[in-house]
Protein backbone atom coordinates (compact mmCIF):
# COMPACT_ATOMS: atom_id res chain seq x y z
CA MET A 1 22.32 40.39 16.48
CA GLY A 2 22.56 36.46 18.02
CA ILE A 3 22.26 33.12 17.13
CA MET A 4 18.62 33.47 18.77
CA SER A 5 17.34 36.10 16.49
CA LYS A 6 17.88 35.05 12.92
CA LYS A 7 14.00 33.38 11.64
CA PRO A 8 14.46 30.29 10.67
CA LYS A 9 15.13 29.96 6.89
CA GLN A 10 12.06 28.61 5.46
CA THR A 11 11.22 25.74 2.85
CA ASN A 12 9.12 24.33 0.70
CA ASN A 13 8.60 20.87 2.27
CA LYS A 14 5.05 20.40 2.48
CA MET A 15 4.32 16.35 3.75
CA LYS A 16 0.42 15.27 3.50
CA ASP A 17 1.10 13.94 6.63
CA PHE A 18 3.44 14.45 9.46
CA ILE A 19 2.34 11.21 10.90
CA THR A 20 3.28 7.84 9.42
CA TRP A 21 2.27 5.45 12.55
CA PHE A 22 1.34 4.86 16.06
CA GLU A 23 2.47 3.11 18.97
CA ILE A 24 -0.06 3.04 21.40
CA PRO A 25 1.80 1.42 24.79
CA VAL A 26 -0.67 -1.24 26.56
CA LEU A 27 0.59 -3.28 30.13
CA ASN A 28 -2.29 -5.89 29.20
CA MET A 29 -3.09 -6.80 25.47
CA GLU A 30 -5.83 -8.54 25.37
CA ARG A 31 -7.40 -6.07 27.59
CA ALA A 32 -6.85 -3.35 25.63
CA THR A 33 -7.42 -5.24 22.19
CA ASP A 34 -11.25 -6.39 23.45
CA PHE A 35 -11.72 -2.90 24.40
CA TYR A 36 -10.70 -1.42 21.00
CA ASN A 37 -12.52 -4.42 19.27
CA HIS A 38 -15.08 -3.44 21.50
CA ILE A 39 -15.33 0.68 20.38
CA TYR A 40 -14.32 -0.01 16.37
CA ASN A 41 -16.59 -3.37 16.10
CA ILE A 42 -13.23 -4.56 14.61
CA LYS A 43 -10.73 -7.42 14.86
CA MET A 44 -6.87 -6.43 15.54
CA GLU A 45 -4.04 -8.91 14.30
CA THR A 46 -1.89 -10.07 16.74
CA THR A 47 1.51 -10.59 16.05
CA GLU A 48 5.03 -10.78 17.88
CA MET A 49 8.07 -8.94 17.08
CA ASN A 50 11.73 -8.68 18.54
CA ASP A 51 10.38 -9.33 22.39
CA TYR A 52 7.23 -6.95 21.78
CA GLU A 53 4.05 -8.38 21.08
CA MET A 54 1.86 -5.41 18.71
CA ALA A 55 -2.09 -5.50 18.22
CA VAL A 56 -2.44 -3.55 14.64
CA PHE A 57 -5.50 -1.62 13.97
CA PRO A 58 -7.08 -3.18 10.16
CA VAL A 59 -6.42 0.17 7.70
CA THR A 60 -6.56 -0.04 3.83
CA THR A 61 -4.76 3.38 2.96
CA GLY A 62 -3.90 6.17 4.62
CA ILE A 63 -1.89 5.48 8.58
CA GLY A 64 -2.00 2.90 10.70
CA GLY A 65 -1.17 2.17 13.60
CA ALA A 66 -0.84 -0.27 16.84
CA LEU A 67 -0.79 -1.47 19.96
CA VAL A 68 2.10 -2.07 21.89
CA LYS A 69 3.63 -4.11 24.38
CA GLY A 70 7.14 -5.08 26.34
CA SER A 71 9.87 -2.76 27.82
CA GLY A 72 9.08 0.83 27.40
CA CYS A 73 6.63 0.32 26.75
CA VAL A 74 3.99 2.33 29.78
CA PRO A 75 0.51 3.67 29.39
CA SER A 76 0.16 7.82 30.30
CA GLU A 77 -2.11 9.58 30.56
CA THR A 78 0.92 12.70 30.05
CA GLY A 79 2.59 13.91 27.16
CA SER A 80 1.73 13.54 23.26
CA LEU A 81 -2.59 13.26 22.25
CA ILE A 82 -3.49 11.53 19.70
CA TYR A 83 -6.33 11.77 17.82
CA LEU A 84 -8.32 8.91 16.30
CA ASN A 85 -10.62 9.09 13.72
CA GLY A 86 -14.08 9.09 14.60
CA GLY A 87 -15.79 8.64 11.87
CA LYS A 88 -19.03 10.80 10.36
CA ASN A 89 -20.20 11.13 14.24
CA LEU A 90 -17.98 10.05 16.98
CA GLN A 91 -20.89 9.44 19.48
CA PRO A 92 -21.01 5.30 18.89
CA ILE A 93 -17.67 5.56 19.30
CA LEU A 94 -17.78 7.47 22.41
CA ASP A 95 -20.50 5.82 24.45
CA LYS A 96 -18.62 2.09 23.84
CA VAL A 97 -15.66 4.19 26.49
CA GLU A 98 -16.36 3.21 29.38
CA ASP A 99 -17.93 -0.60 28.65
CA LEU A 100 -14.88 -2.06 28.81
CA GLY A 101 -13.21 -0.19 31.19
CA GLY A 102 -12.31 3.00 29.28
CA ARG A 103 -13.05 6.12 30.90
CA ILE A 104 -14.74 9.88 29.08
CA ILE A 105 -12.68 12.85 30.33
CA MET A 106 -14.47 15.49 27.74
CA GLN A 107 -17.88 15.04 26.13
CA LYS A 108 -18.01 15.38 22.53
CA THR A 109 -16.99 19.19 22.28
CA LYS A 110 -17.31 21.26 19.25
CA ILE A 111 -14.39 22.92 17.85
CA SER A 112 -15.90 24.99 15.14
CA ASP A 113 -17.86 24.19 11.59
CA GLU A 114 -14.79 23.72 9.37
CA ALA A 115 -12.71 21.26 12.51
CA GLY A 116 -15.78 19.54 13.43
CA TYR A 117 -16.00 17.78 16.74
CA PHE A 118 -13.65 15.91 20.10
CA ALA A 119 -13.69 14.35 22.67
CA LEU A 120 -11.23 13.17 25.48
CA PHE A 121 -11.25 9.41 27.37
CA ILE A 122 -8.54 6.94 29.12
CA ASP A 123 -8.52 3.49 27.33
CA SER A 124 -8.29 0.45 29.38
CA GLU A 125 -4.81 0.63 29.98
CA GLY A 126 -4.81 4.65 31.11
CA ASN A 127 -3.40 6.38 27.69
CA LYS A 128 -4.81 10.06 27.82
CA LEU A 129 -6.46 9.47 23.60
CA ALA A 130 -8.66 12.15 21.21
CA ILE A 131 -11.54 11.44 19.04
CA ASN A 132 -13.15 13.07 16.23
CA SER A 133 -15.24 13.31 13.25
CA LYS A 134 -16.78 15.80 11.70
CA ASN A 135 -20.09 15.43 13.01
């Protein structure tokens, strides 16, 4: 029996979350913060750290993240897909996506009764993101 045919060892390492932080790359911080502040009706605080400019999503609990501008931060429509929280109903947020240069690529779509709904959009910087909600 070869090494590739062995079953992986089962572990009981269950974690509350598999994501602890996310970063969305941007080319224009002002344009990007305007976009996310608008669709979420928030005020992101910006800071600079080690030659990177960041705008942090305001969270009180749970997983946080930031917009990041700097070397190697290149927006993309390919690669990993981040699902942002759409609250109780993602539609009011989705309705604002195109106001400041975003583009909806998949309208609100039902996944299942248990999983709720999702939509896909391109943000003002060219990143493909998803948003989901229960309703």
